[in-house]
C-alpha atoms as a PDB file:
ATOM      1  CA  MET A   1      18.211  28.342  24.875  1.00  0.00           C
ATOM      2  CA  ALA A   2      19.302  29.332  28.591  1.00  0.00           C
ATOM      3  CA  SER A   3      22.330  28.287  30.371  1.00  0.00           C
ATOM      4  CA  LYS A   4      21.919  25.650  32.979  1.00  0.00           C
ATOM      5  CA  ALA A   5      23.280  28.323  35.619  1.00  0.00           C
ATOM      6  CA  LYS A   6      20.980  31.151  34.452  1.00  0.00           C
ATOM      7  CA  THR A   7      18.254  28.368  34.762  1.00  0.00           C
ATOM      8  CA  LYS A   8      19.433  26.956  38.765  1.00  0.00           C
ATOM      9  CA  GLY A   9      19.614  30.816  39.170  1.00  0.00           C
ATOM     10  CA  ASP A  10      15.795  31.334  37.851  1.00  0.00           C
ATOM     11  CA  ASN A  11      13.942  28.872  39.498  1.00  0.00           C
ATOM     12  CA  GLU A  12      16.236  29.467  42.875  1.00  0.00           C
ATOM     13  CA  GLU A  13      14.658  33.028  42.579  1.00  0.00           C
ATOM     14  CA  ARG A  14      11.172  32.054  41.860  1.00  0.00           C
ATOM     15  CA  VAL A  15      11.471  29.043  45.611  1.00  0.00           C
ATOM     16  CA  VAL A  16      12.107  32.317  47.206  1.00  0.00           C
ATOM     17  CA  VAL A  17       8.975  34.387  46.452  1.00  0.00           C
ATOM     18  CA  ASN A  18       7.471  31.858  46.167  1.00  0.00           C
ATOM     19  CA  LEU A  19       8.048  31.690  49.970  1.00  0.00           C
ATOM     20  CA  MET A  20       7.860  34.303  50.852  1.00  0.00           C
ATOM     21  CA  ARG A  21       4.318  34.601  49.330  1.00  0.00           C
ATOM     22  CA  GLU A  22       4.001  31.482  51.036  1.00  0.00           C
ATOM     23  CA  HIS A  23       4.036  33.309  53.931  1.00  0.00           C
ATOM     24  CA  GLY A  24       2.150  36.606  54.078  1.00  0.00           C
ATOM     25  CA  PHE A  25       4.538  38.686  52.199  1.00  0.00           C
ATOM     26  CA  ALA A  26       4.041  40.251  48.643  1.00  0.00           C
ATOM     27  CA  CYS A  27       7.155  39.481  47.040  1.00  0.00           C
ATOM     28  CA  GLN A  28       8.662  39.913  43.338  1.00  0.00           C
ATOM     29  CA  ARG A  29      11.217  38.670  41.096  1.00  0.00           C
ATOM     30  CA  THR A  30      12.793  41.897  39.464  1.00  0.00           C
ATOM     31  CA  LEU A  31      12.835  42.260  35.533  1.00  0.00           C
ATOM     32  CA  GLU A  32      15.747  43.495  35.280  1.00  0.00           C
ATOM     33  CA  ALA A  33      17.848  41.434  37.208  1.00  0.00           C
ATOM     34  CA  GLY A  34      21.517  41.276  35.903  1.00  0.00           C
ATOM     35  CA  ALA A  35      20.331  43.068  33.325  1.00  0.00           C
ATOM     36  CA  ARG A  36      21.173  46.065  33.409  1.00  0.00           C
ATOM     37  CA  SER A  37      24.560  47.686  30.640  1.00  0.00           C
ATOM     38  CA  ASP A  38      25.011  50.643  32.150  1.00  0.00           C
ATOM     39  CA  GLY A  39      26.732  49.053  35.667  1.00  0.00           C
ATOM     40  CA  SER A  40      24.351  50.036  38.033  1.00  0.00           C
ATOM     41  CA  SER A  41      23.675  47.768  40.136  1.00  0.00           C
ATOM     42  CA  THR A  42      20.398  44.992  40.320  1.00  0.00           C
ATOM     43  CA  TRP A  43      18.727  42.645  42.366  1.00  0.00           C
ATOM     44  CA  ASP A  44      16.703  39.562  41.983  1.00  0.00           C
ATOM     45  CA  ILE A  45      13.669  39.934  44.367  1.00  0.00           C
ATOM     46  CA  ASP A  46      11.543  42.459  46.327  1.00  0.00           C
ATOM     47  CA  LEU A  47      10.607  41.644  49.102  1.00  0.00           C
ATOM     48  CA  TYR A  48       7.443  43.618  50.656  1.00  0.00           C
ATOM     49  CA  TYR A  49       8.086  42.830  54.584  1.00  0.00           C
ATOM     50  CA  LYS A  50       6.260  45.778  55.369  1.00  0.00           C
ATOM     51  CA  GLY A  51       3.567  45.642  53.129  1.00  0.00           C
ATOM     52  CA  ILE A  52       3.445  47.057  48.786  1.00  0.00           C
ATOM     53  CA  ASP A  53       3.181  50.774  49.545  1.00  0.00           C
ATOM     54  CA  HIS A  54       6.847  51.221  51.390  1.00  0.00           C
ATOM     55  CA  ALA A  55      10.378  50.692  50.037  1.00  0.00           C
ATOM     56  CA  PRO A  56      10.676  46.793  49.870  1.00  0.00           C
ATOM     57  CA  LEU A  57      14.217  44.755  51.039  1.00  0.00           C
ATOM     58  CA  ILE A  58      16.114  43.550  48.547  1.00  0.00           C
ATOM     59  CA  GLY A  59      17.942  39.890  48.151  1.00  0.00           C
ATOM     60  CA  GLU A  60      20.450  38.476  45.814  1.00  0.00           C
ATOM     61  CA  CYS A  61      19.972  34.891  45.369  1.00  0.00           C
ATOM     62  CA  LYS A  62      22.582  32.909  44.524  1.00  0.00           C
ATOM     63  CA  CYS A  63      22.161  29.586  44.389  1.00  0.00           C
ATOM     64  CA  ARG A  64      25.688  27.202  44.116  1.00  0.00           C
ATOM     65  CA  GLU A  65      27.773  23.826  44.117  1.00  0.00           C
ATOM     66  CA  SER A  66      30.340  25.792  46.080  1.00  0.00           C
ATOM     67  CA  ILE A  67      29.690  27.765  49.027  1.00  0.00           C
ATOM     68  CA  GLY A  68      31.889  26.289  51.305  1.00  0.00           C
ATOM     69  CA  ASP A  69      30.636  24.369  54.487  1.00  0.00           C
ATOM     70  CA  TRP A  70      32.763  25.839  57.002  1.00  0.00           C
ATOM     71  CA  ILE A  71      29.487  28.491  57.010  1.00  0.00           C
ATOM     72  CA  TRP A  72      27.963  25.578  57.972  1.00  0.00           C
ATOM     73  CA  ASP A  73      29.613  24.784  60.663  1.00  0.00           C
ATOM     74  CA  TYR A  74      30.512  27.988  62.245  1.00  0.00           C
ATOM     75  CA  LEU A  75      26.390  28.410  62.189  1.00  0.00           C
ATOM     76  CA  GLY A  76      26.078  25.342  63.901  1.00  0.00           C
ATOM     77  CA  GLU A  77      23.060  25.997  66.268  1.00  0.00           C
ATOM     78  CA  ASN A  78      23.710  29.681  66.932  1.00  0.00           C
ATOM     79  CA  ASP A  79      20.557  32.104  65.655  1.00  0.00           C
ATOM     80  CA  PHE A  80      23.699  33.700  63.097  1.00  0.00           C
ATOM     81  CA  LEU A  81      26.949  33.651  62.190  1.00  0.00           C
ATOM     82  CA  THR A  82      28.765  37.133  61.340  1.00  0.00           C
ATOM     83  CA  LEU A  83      31.521  37.637  58.298  1.00  0.00           C
ATOM     84  CA  ARG A  84      33.535  40.010  57.596  1.00  0.00           C
ATOM     85  CA  LYS A  85      36.495  40.517  55.141  1.00  0.00           C
ATOM     86  CA  ASN A  86      38.733  42.939  55.276  1.00  0.00           C
ATOM     87  CA  ARG A  87      37.720  46.978  54.868  1.00  0.00           C
ATOM     88  CA  LYS A  88      34.212  45.227  53.765  1.00  0.00           C
ATOM     89  CA  LYS A  89      31.060  45.346  54.716  1.00  0.00           C
ATOM     90  CA  ARG A  90      29.287  42.516  58.261  1.00  0.00           C
ATOM     91  CA  LEU A  91      27.272  40.475  57.221  1.00  0.00           C
ATOM     92  CA  TYR A  92      25.076  38.542  58.725  1.00  0.00           C
ATOM     93  CA  VAL A  93      24.246  35.087  58.094  1.00  0.00           C
ATOM     94  CA  LEU A  94      21.077  33.261  59.334  1.00  0.00           C
ATOM     95  CA  PRO A  95      18.925  30.600  58.772  1.00  0.00           C
ATOM     96  CA  GLU A  96      15.546  30.467  56.837  1.00  0.00           C
ATOM     97  CA  GLU A  97      13.408  30.224  59.871  1.00  0.00           C
ATOM     98  CA  VAL A  98      14.864  33.026  61.623  1.00  0.00           C
ATOM     99  CA  PHE A  99      15.084  35.380  58.825  1.00  0.00           C
ATOM    100  CA  LEU A 100      11.044  34.676  58.715  1.00  0.00           C
ATOM    101  CA  ARG A 101      10.230  35.769  62.298  1.00  0.00           C
ATOM    102  CA  LEU A 102      12.734  38.504  62.263  1.00  0.00           C
ATOM    103  CA  ILE A 103      10.512  40.221  58.729  1.00  0.00           C
ATOM    104  CA  LYS A 104       7.299  38.892  60.551  1.00  0.00           C
ATOM    105  CA  GLY A 105       7.468  40.602  63.970  1.00  0.00           C
ATOM    106  CA  VAL A 106       6.993  38.122  66.614  1.00  0.00           C
ATOM    107  CA  GLY A 107       8.441  38.488  69.324  1.00  0.00           C
ATOM    108  CA  ASP A 108      11.094  35.699  69.943  1.00  0.00           C
ATOM    109  CA  VAL A 109      13.353  35.202  67.060  1.00  0.00           C
ATOM    110  CA  ARG A 110      15.250  32.844  68.208  1.00  0.00           C
ATOM    111  CA  LYS A 111      15.159  29.139  66.407  1.00  0.00           C
ATOM    112  CA  ALA A 112      12.886  26.466  68.832  1.00  0.00           C
ATOM    113  CA  MET A 113      14.913  24.646  70.071  1.00  0.00           C
END
């Protein structure tokens, strides 16, 4: 029987995949998500936002009790938030509706005010 954390993560992956499919994108959970014993990189979903014949965006899904409310506080009503730890890559945090507009190639990606 899977742990509660594993079940919660699996459910989050399914929700994201189904949401992307509802918006017309080919998307699937990867079979090797977190399962490689050789230490090589793993990810949770493949999102074929340009179609199945193009390389997918690869995504990692996390669903945690504690992420830090400060992320939502800083994001506020903005379209995105950048985060960078010293000597690490910059991360971009954006609301789901902005992300969907970006990958759909919609002209104006700003949130509806």
